[in-house]
Every structure is written in structure tokens, then in C-alpha cells.
Amino acid sequence: MSTVEPYACEVQVRWSDQDINGHVNNARLVTLVEEVRVRALKAWGLPAPGPHRPRVLRSFEVSFDRAVHYGPELTGRAWISRIGVTSFTVGHELLQQGHRCVRLHAVMVLLDPDTHRPLALEPSYRAILERYLIPRESD
């Protein structure tokens, strides 16, 4: 059993994030998850991406388990759920009133700036990721 705790932060839901059904729009929820991931990667001390070291989202898998509403606090959590040769997966959750509302797994890759092909994760980068590894369980 891992003793690593996921990164956690509060994320702000705006009144305008709601859709006609009275809950936060699914596309906006994916954007809120992205905000959690950006904050987590920075807090973990990973080198910032940029034109000389692009880090991109390759794919993601999302499940919307409960509606999110404007008002009650929304907590985002993130952790590393898998580390591969050229990619790593960030697990995410959005929780409201103690209930998981959204779960998302995002596969990230570092690209060679010249060829735009995935780069093998450097040992120092991998070492940072391993500190926050909570292997993925079946959902």
C-alpha cells in the first residue's frame, strides 16, 4: 500500500460554468482537471515545459460519475498512476461534498523539439515522478 498522498487543491467553479441542465458543463470540468494537473506538476518540481522542452497531452480517459454544481467547494486531486518509457499518466479526481464526481487519467509525453517525437524520460525526471506514484487501480 502506497503512503503517498495525492496532490490536492481547491478549484473555483464560476456561475457561468453551468449549462442548461443546471450543472457544470463536462467540457469545463475537463478544463478544471487541467488546472489541477498544471498546479500539481509545478508543485512536484517538474521542469516547466516550453518550446525547447514540449510536454503534451497525448490522450485521456474520463468518467463523469456525478454532476458538479456551482456553490459547494470543489477539490481537485492528482497523482502519477503510471510511468512508462516515454510517457507518464496523471490520475485526477474532482470531489464535491465528499463524493467523486470526475475521474480522469491523462497520458503525458515529452517531445523532442526538432523531430516532435516522444523522448525517453530522463532518470532525474523519472525520479520526481516516482515520488508521486500511486499505481492505477481498476475503476
N, C-alpha and C. Protein backbone atom coordinates (compact mmCIF):
# COMPACT_ATOMS: atom_id res chain seq x y z
N MET A 1 0.85 -1.19 0.00
CA MET A 1 0.00 0.00 0.00
C MET A 1 0.88 1.23 0.00
N SER A 2 0.60 2.17 -0.88
CA SER A 2 1.38 3.40 -1.00
C SER A 2 1.07 4.35 0.14
N THR A 3 2.11 5.05 0.62
CA THR A 3 1.91 6.07 1.64
C THR A 3 1.89 7.46 1.02
N VAL A 4 1.99 7.54 -0.29
CA VAL A 4 1.95 8.81 -1.00
C VAL A 4 0.53 9.33 -0.98
N GLU A 5 0.40 10.62 -0.68
CA GLU A 5 -0.90 11.27 -0.74
C GLU A 5 -1.01 12.04 -2.05
N PRO A 6 -2.17 12.02 -2.70
CA PRO A 6 -2.32 12.81 -3.92
C PRO A 6 -2.18 14.30 -3.62
N TYR A 7 -1.72 15.04 -4.61
CA TYR A 7 -1.74 16.49 -4.54
C TYR A 7 -3.20 16.91 -4.46
N ALA A 8 -3.53 17.90 -3.67
CA ALA A 8 -4.91 18.36 -3.55
C ALA A 8 -4.97 19.88 -3.52
N CYS A 9 -5.99 20.43 -4.16
CA CYS A 9 -6.21 21.87 -4.15
C CYS A 9 -7.69 22.14 -4.41
N GLU A 10 -8.11 23.31 -4.00
CA GLU A 10 -9.47 23.74 -4.29
C GLU A 10 -9.47 24.37 -5.68
N VAL A 11 -10.52 24.10 -6.45
CA VAL A 11 -10.68 24.73 -7.75
C VAL A 11 -11.99 25.50 -7.75
N GLN A 12 -11.97 26.63 -8.42
CA GLN A 12 -13.11 27.53 -8.43
C GLN A 12 -14.06 27.23 -9.58
N VAL A 13 -15.32 27.06 -9.22
CA VAL A 13 -16.37 26.91 -10.22
C VAL A 13 -17.04 28.27 -10.34
N ARG A 14 -17.22 28.74 -11.57
CA ARG A 14 -17.89 30.02 -11.81
C ARG A 14 -19.36 29.77 -12.14
N TRP A 15 -20.19 30.75 -11.84
CA TRP A 15 -21.61 30.67 -12.16
C TRP A 15 -21.80 30.35 -13.64
N SER A 16 -20.97 30.94 -14.48
CA SER A 16 -21.10 30.76 -15.93
C SER A 16 -20.64 29.39 -16.41
N ASP A 17 -20.08 28.57 -15.53
CA ASP A 17 -19.65 27.23 -15.91
C ASP A 17 -20.82 26.26 -16.03
N GLN A 18 -21.99 26.65 -15.54
CA GLN A 18 -23.17 25.78 -15.58
C GLN A 18 -23.76 25.74 -16.98
N ASP A 19 -24.40 24.63 -17.28
CA ASP A 19 -25.08 24.53 -18.57
C ASP A 19 -26.59 24.60 -18.35
N ILE A 20 -27.34 24.37 -19.38
CA ILE A 20 -28.80 24.49 -19.31
C ILE A 20 -29.42 23.49 -18.33
N ASN A 21 -28.69 22.41 -18.02
CA ASN A 21 -29.20 21.41 -17.08
C ASN A 21 -28.94 21.79 -15.63
N GLY A 22 -28.27 22.92 -15.39
CA GLY A 22 -28.05 23.37 -14.02
C GLY A 22 -26.84 22.75 -13.35
N HIS A 23 -25.99 22.08 -14.11
CA HIS A 23 -24.74 21.56 -13.53
C HIS A 23 -23.58 22.04 -14.38
N VAL A 24 -22.37 21.87 -13.86
CA VAL A 24 -21.19 22.34 -14.57
C VAL A 24 -21.00 21.51 -15.83
N ASN A 25 -20.78 22.20 -16.93
CA ASN A 25 -20.62 21.58 -18.24
C ASN A 25 -19.42 20.63 -18.24
N ASN A 26 -19.54 19.48 -18.89
CA ASN A 26 -18.47 18.48 -18.92
C ASN A 26 -17.17 19.03 -19.51
N ALA A 27 -17.26 19.84 -20.55
CA ALA A 27 -16.04 20.41 -21.14
C ALA A 27 -15.33 21.31 -20.13
N ARG A 28 -16.09 22.05 -19.35
CA ARG A 28 -15.49 22.91 -18.31
C ARG A 28 -14.84 22.05 -17.23
N LEU A 29 -15.41 20.91 -16.91
CA LEU A 29 -14.82 20.02 -15.90
C LEU A 29 -13.45 19.52 -16.36
N VAL A 30 -13.31 19.22 -17.64
CA VAL A 30 -12.01 18.80 -18.17
C VAL A 30 -11.00 19.93 -18.02
N THR A 31 -11.44 21.17 -18.24
CA THR A 31 -10.56 22.32 -18.05
C THR A 31 -10.16 22.47 -16.58
N LEU A 32 -11.08 22.25 -15.66
CA LEU A 32 -10.75 22.32 -14.24
C LEU A 32 -9.75 21.23 -13.86
N VAL A 33 -9.89 20.05 -14.43
CA VAL A 33 -8.92 18.97 -14.19
C VAL A 33 -7.55 19.39 -14.71
N GLU A 34 -7.51 20.03 -15.86
CA GLU A 34 -6.24 20.51 -16.41
C GLU A 34 -5.57 21.48 -15.43
N GLU A 35 -6.35 22.35 -14.82
CA GLU A 35 -5.82 23.30 -13.85
C GLU A 35 -5.19 22.57 -12.67
N VAL A 36 -5.84 21.52 -12.20
CA VAL A 36 -5.29 20.72 -11.10
C VAL A 36 -3.96 20.09 -11.53
N ARG A 37 -3.91 19.54 -12.75
CA ARG A 37 -2.68 18.90 -13.24
C ARG A 37 -1.54 19.91 -13.34
N VAL A 38 -1.80 21.08 -13.88
CA VAL A 38 -0.76 22.10 -14.03
C VAL A 38 -0.22 22.49 -12.65
N ARG A 39 -1.10 22.69 -11.70
CA ARG A 39 -0.66 23.04 -10.34
C ARG A 39 0.16 21.92 -9.71
N ALA A 40 -0.30 20.67 -9.90
CA ALA A 40 0.40 19.52 -9.31
C ALA A 40 1.80 19.37 -9.90
N LEU A 41 1.92 19.40 -11.22
CA LEU A 41 3.23 19.23 -11.86
C LEU A 41 4.21 20.31 -11.39
N LYS A 42 3.70 21.52 -11.22
CA LYS A 42 4.55 22.61 -10.72
C LYS A 42 4.94 22.35 -9.26
N ALA A 43 3.98 21.96 -8.43
CA ALA A 43 4.25 21.70 -7.01
C ALA A 43 5.24 20.55 -6.84
N TRP A 44 5.20 19.58 -7.73
CA TRP A 44 6.11 18.43 -7.64
C TRP A 44 7.52 18.77 -8.11
N GLY A 45 7.69 19.93 -8.71
CA GLY A 45 9.03 20.35 -9.12
C GLY A 45 9.48 19.84 -10.47
N LEU A 46 8.53 19.43 -11.33
CA LEU A 46 8.93 19.01 -12.67
C LEU A 46 9.36 20.22 -13.48
N PRO A 47 10.37 20.06 -14.33
CA PRO A 47 10.81 21.19 -15.17
C PRO A 47 9.64 21.71 -16.00
N ALA A 48 9.56 23.02 -16.09
CA ALA A 48 8.48 23.64 -16.86
C ALA A 48 8.63 23.31 -18.35
N PRO A 49 7.50 23.03 -19.02
CA PRO A 49 7.58 22.81 -20.46
C PRO A 49 7.78 24.13 -21.18
N GLY A 50 8.13 24.06 -22.42
CA GLY A 50 8.32 25.25 -23.24
C GLY A 50 8.73 24.83 -24.64
N PRO A 51 9.07 25.80 -25.48
CA PRO A 51 9.40 25.47 -26.87
C PRO A 51 10.63 24.57 -26.99
N HIS A 52 11.53 24.61 -26.01
CA HIS A 52 12.73 23.78 -26.09
C HIS A 52 12.54 22.45 -25.35
N ARG A 53 11.42 22.28 -24.69
CA ARG A 53 11.12 21.04 -23.96
C ARG A 53 9.60 20.88 -23.90
N PRO A 54 8.95 20.60 -25.03
CA PRO A 54 7.50 20.48 -25.02
C PRO A 54 7.02 19.27 -24.22
N ARG A 55 5.98 19.49 -23.45
CA ARG A 55 5.29 18.41 -22.72
C ARG A 55 3.84 18.51 -23.16
N VAL A 56 3.32 17.43 -23.72
CA VAL A 56 1.98 17.49 -24.30
C VAL A 56 1.09 16.37 -23.76
N LEU A 57 -0.19 16.63 -23.84
CA LEU A 57 -1.20 15.63 -23.52
C LEU A 57 -1.37 14.74 -24.75
N ARG A 58 -1.13 13.44 -24.56
CA ARG A 58 -1.27 12.52 -25.70
C ARG A 58 -2.70 11.98 -25.79
N SER A 59 -3.26 11.62 -24.64
CA SER A 59 -4.62 11.09 -24.62
C SER A 59 -5.16 11.19 -23.20
N PHE A 60 -6.47 11.08 -23.08
CA PHE A 60 -7.05 10.99 -21.75
C PHE A 60 -8.31 10.15 -21.78
N GLU A 61 -8.61 9.62 -20.61
CA GLU A 61 -9.81 8.81 -20.39
C GLU A 61 -10.53 9.44 -19.22
N VAL A 62 -11.81 9.73 -19.40
CA VAL A 62 -12.55 10.43 -18.36
C VAL A 62 -13.86 9.72 -18.06
N SER A 63 -14.25 9.76 -16.79
CA SER A 63 -15.58 9.29 -16.41
C SER A 63 -16.23 10.38 -15.56
N PHE A 64 -17.47 10.68 -15.89
CA PHE A 64 -18.26 11.66 -15.15
C PHE A 64 -19.22 10.87 -14.28
N ASP A 65 -18.92 10.82 -12.98
CA ASP A 65 -19.68 9.96 -12.07
C ASP A 65 -20.85 10.65 -11.40
N ARG A 66 -20.73 11.94 -11.16
CA ARG A 66 -21.80 12.72 -10.52
C ARG A 66 -21.75 14.14 -11.09
N ALA A 67 -22.88 14.80 -11.06
CA ALA A 67 -22.94 16.19 -11.51
C ALA A 67 -22.19 17.08 -10.52
N VAL A 68 -21.53 18.10 -11.03
CA VAL A 68 -20.88 19.12 -10.22
C VAL A 68 -21.75 20.37 -10.30
N HIS A 69 -21.94 21.02 -9.16
CA HIS A 69 -22.80 22.20 -9.10
C HIS A 69 -22.03 23.41 -8.60
N TYR A 70 -22.50 24.57 -9.00
CA TYR A 70 -21.95 25.81 -8.50
C TYR A 70 -22.31 25.93 -7.02
N GLY A 71 -21.36 26.36 -6.21
CA GLY A 71 -21.63 26.60 -4.79
C GLY A 71 -20.75 25.80 -3.88
N PRO A 72 -21.01 24.50 -3.71
CA PRO A 72 -20.17 23.72 -2.79
C PRO A 72 -18.72 23.66 -3.26
N GLU A 73 -17.81 23.65 -2.31
CA GLU A 73 -16.38 23.59 -2.62
C GLU A 73 -16.08 22.38 -3.51
N LEU A 74 -15.18 22.60 -4.46
CA LEU A 74 -14.74 21.54 -5.36
C LEU A 74 -13.25 21.32 -5.14
N THR A 75 -12.88 20.09 -4.84
CA THR A 75 -11.49 19.74 -4.58
C THR A 75 -10.96 18.91 -5.73
N GLY A 76 -9.78 19.28 -6.20
CA GLY A 76 -9.11 18.51 -7.23
C GLY A 76 -7.95 17.75 -6.62
N ARG A 77 -7.74 16.53 -7.07
CA ARG A 77 -6.61 15.72 -6.61
C ARG A 77 -5.89 15.17 -7.83
N ALA A 78 -4.55 15.01 -7.70
CA ALA A 78 -3.76 14.47 -8.80
C ALA A 78 -2.63 13.62 -8.23
N TRP A 79 -2.21 12.62 -9.00
CA TRP A 79 -1.12 11.73 -8.64
C TRP A 79 -0.60 11.10 -9.93
N ILE A 80 0.55 10.50 -9.87
CA ILE A 80 1.09 9.76 -11.01
C ILE A 80 0.58 8.33 -10.89
N SER A 81 -0.09 7.84 -11.93
CA SER A 81 -0.65 6.49 -11.86
C SER A 81 0.12 5.47 -12.69
N ARG A 82 1.01 5.95 -13.57
CA ARG A 82 1.81 5.03 -14.38
C ARG A 82 3.00 5.79 -14.94
N ILE A 83 4.15 5.10 -15.00
CA ILE A 83 5.35 5.67 -15.60
C ILE A 83 5.83 4.68 -16.66
N GLY A 84 5.92 5.14 -17.89
CA GLY A 84 6.40 4.29 -18.97
C GLY A 84 7.79 4.72 -19.42
N VAL A 85 8.18 4.29 -20.59
CA VAL A 85 9.49 4.63 -21.14
C VAL A 85 9.50 6.07 -21.65
N THR A 86 8.45 6.44 -22.40
CA THR A 86 8.37 7.78 -22.99
C THR A 86 7.16 8.56 -22.51
N SER A 87 6.38 8.01 -21.62
CA SER A 87 5.16 8.69 -21.17
C SER A 87 4.92 8.43 -19.69
N PHE A 88 4.05 9.25 -19.13
CA PHE A 88 3.58 9.02 -17.77
C PHE A 88 2.11 9.40 -17.73
N THR A 89 1.39 8.78 -16.82
CA THR A 89 -0.03 9.03 -16.70
C THR A 89 -0.31 9.72 -15.37
N VAL A 90 -1.09 10.79 -15.46
CA VAL A 90 -1.51 11.52 -14.28
C VAL A 90 -2.97 11.14 -14.01
N GLY A 91 -3.22 10.63 -12.81
CA GLY A 91 -4.59 10.36 -12.37
C GLY A 91 -5.15 11.62 -11.72
N HIS A 92 -6.43 11.86 -11.90
CA HIS A 92 -7.08 13.04 -11.34
C HIS A 92 -8.46 12.66 -10.82
N GLU A 93 -8.91 13.42 -9.83
CA GLU A 93 -10.29 13.34 -9.36
C GLU A 93 -10.77 14.75 -9.04
N LEU A 94 -12.05 14.98 -9.25
CA LEU A 94 -12.71 16.16 -8.72
C LEU A 94 -13.75 15.66 -7.73
N LEU A 95 -13.71 16.21 -6.52
CA LEU A 95 -14.60 15.79 -5.45
C LEU A 95 -15.44 16.97 -4.96
N GLN A 96 -16.72 16.70 -4.74
CA GLN A 96 -17.60 17.73 -4.19
C GLN A 96 -18.46 17.09 -3.11
N GLN A 97 -18.47 17.72 -1.95
CA GLN A 97 -19.21 17.22 -0.78
C GLN A 97 -18.87 15.76 -0.48
N GLY A 98 -17.57 15.44 -0.60
CA GLY A 98 -17.09 14.11 -0.25
C GLY A 98 -17.32 13.04 -1.30
N HIS A 99 -17.87 13.40 -2.44
CA HIS A 99 -18.17 12.43 -3.50
C HIS A 99 -17.28 12.68 -4.72
N ARG A 100 -16.76 11.59 -5.28
CA ARG A 100 -16.02 11.71 -6.53
C ARG A 100 -17.01 11.99 -7.65
N CYS A 101 -16.77 13.10 -8.35
CA CYS A 101 -17.64 13.49 -9.45
C CYS A 101 -17.01 13.20 -10.81
N VAL A 102 -15.70 13.36 -10.89
CA VAL A 102 -14.97 13.17 -12.14
C VAL A 102 -13.69 12.42 -11.85
N ARG A 103 -13.36 11.48 -12.70
CA ARG A 103 -12.05 10.81 -12.66
C ARG A 103 -11.49 10.86 -14.06
N LEU A 104 -10.21 11.26 -14.15
CA LEU A 104 -9.58 11.39 -15.46
C LEU A 104 -8.15 10.91 -15.37
N HIS A 105 -7.72 10.13 -16.36
CA HIS A 105 -6.34 9.69 -16.48
C HIS A 105 -5.79 10.28 -17.77
N ALA A 106 -4.71 11.06 -17.64
CA ALA A 106 -4.11 11.77 -18.78
C ALA A 106 -2.71 11.23 -19.04
N VAL A 107 -2.46 10.82 -20.28
CA VAL A 107 -1.14 10.35 -20.69
C VAL A 107 -0.36 11.54 -21.24
N MET A 108 0.80 11.80 -20.64
CA MET A 108 1.64 12.93 -21.00
C MET A 108 2.94 12.42 -21.62
N VAL A 109 3.46 13.17 -22.59
CA VAL A 109 4.76 12.83 -23.19
C VAL A 109 5.60 14.09 -23.33
N LEU A 110 6.91 13.90 -23.25
CA LEU A 110 7.87 14.96 -23.57
C LEU A 110 8.28 14.74 -25.02
N LEU A 111 8.36 15.84 -25.77
CA LEU A 111 8.69 15.72 -27.19
C LEU A 111 10.06 16.30 -27.48
N ASP A 112 10.73 15.68 -28.45
CA ASP A 112 11.95 16.27 -28.99
C ASP A 112 11.52 17.51 -29.78
N PRO A 113 12.07 18.68 -29.47
CA PRO A 113 11.62 19.91 -30.14
C PRO A 113 11.90 19.93 -31.65
N ASP A 114 12.86 19.14 -32.11
CA ASP A 114 13.19 19.14 -33.54
C ASP A 114 12.36 18.13 -34.32
N THR A 115 12.20 16.92 -33.77
CA THR A 115 11.50 15.86 -34.50
C THR A 115 10.03 15.73 -34.10
N HIS A 116 9.66 16.29 -32.96
CA HIS A 116 8.30 16.18 -32.41
C HIS A 116 7.92 14.74 -32.10
N ARG A 117 8.93 13.93 -31.83
CA ARG A 117 8.73 12.54 -31.44
C ARG A 117 8.93 12.42 -29.94
N PRO A 118 8.28 11.44 -29.30
CA PRO A 118 8.44 11.28 -27.85
C PRO A 118 9.88 10.99 -27.46
N LEU A 119 10.29 11.57 -26.34
CA LEU A 119 11.61 11.33 -25.76
C LEU A 119 11.50 10.35 -24.61
N ALA A 120 12.53 9.55 -24.42
CA ALA A 120 12.58 8.70 -23.23
C ALA A 120 12.68 9.60 -22.01
N LEU A 121 11.99 9.22 -20.95
CA LEU A 121 12.04 10.01 -19.71
C LEU A 121 13.43 9.91 -19.11
N GLU A 122 14.04 11.04 -18.81
CA GLU A 122 15.37 11.06 -18.20
C GLU A 122 15.28 10.53 -16.77
N PRO A 123 16.37 9.93 -16.26
CA PRO A 123 16.35 9.39 -14.89
C PRO A 123 15.95 10.43 -13.84
N SER A 124 16.39 11.68 -13.98
CA SER A 124 16.03 12.70 -12.99
C SER A 124 14.54 13.02 -13.04
N TYR A 125 13.97 13.04 -14.22
CA TYR A 125 12.54 13.30 -14.41
C TYR A 125 11.74 12.13 -13.83
N ARG A 126 12.19 10.92 -14.17
CA ARG A 126 11.54 9.70 -13.68
C ARG A 126 11.57 9.65 -12.14
N ALA A 127 12.68 10.07 -11.54
CA ALA A 127 12.80 10.06 -10.07
C ALA A 127 11.76 10.96 -9.43
N ILE A 128 11.51 12.12 -10.03
CA ILE A 128 10.47 13.00 -9.49
C ILE A 128 9.10 12.33 -9.61
N LEU A 129 8.81 11.77 -10.76
CA LEU A 129 7.51 11.11 -10.97
C LEU A 129 7.31 9.98 -9.97
N GLU A 130 8.35 9.20 -9.71
CA GLU A 130 8.23 8.05 -8.81
C GLU A 130 7.85 8.44 -7.40
N ARG A 131 8.19 9.66 -6.98
CA ARG A 131 7.83 10.12 -5.63
C ARG A 131 6.33 10.27 -5.45
N TYR A 132 5.60 10.44 -6.56
CA TYR A 132 4.16 10.70 -6.50
C TYR A 132 3.34 9.57 -7.13
N LEU A 133 3.98 8.42 -7.27
CA LEU A 133 3.34 7.27 -7.92
C LEU A 133 2.36 6.57 -6.98
N ILE A 134 1.13 6.51 -7.44
CA ILE A 134 0.10 5.69 -6.80
C ILE A 134 -0.47 4.86 -7.94
N PRO A 135 -0.02 3.60 -8.08
CA PRO A 135 -0.44 2.80 -9.25
C PRO A 135 -1.94 2.75 -9.42
N ARG A 136 -2.35 2.76 -10.67
CA ARG A 136 -3.77 2.77 -11.01
C ARG A 136 -4.43 1.47 -10.60
N GLU A 137 -5.56 1.65 -9.94
CA GLU A 137 -6.40 0.50 -9.60
C GLU A 137 -7.51 0.45 -10.64
N SER A 138 -8.13 -0.69 -10.76
CA SER A 138 -9.26 -0.76 -11.69
C SER A 138 -10.41 0.08 -11.11
N ASP A 139 -11.01 0.87 -11.99
CA ASP A 139 -12.07 1.81 -11.56
C ASP A 139 -13.40 1.11 -11.43
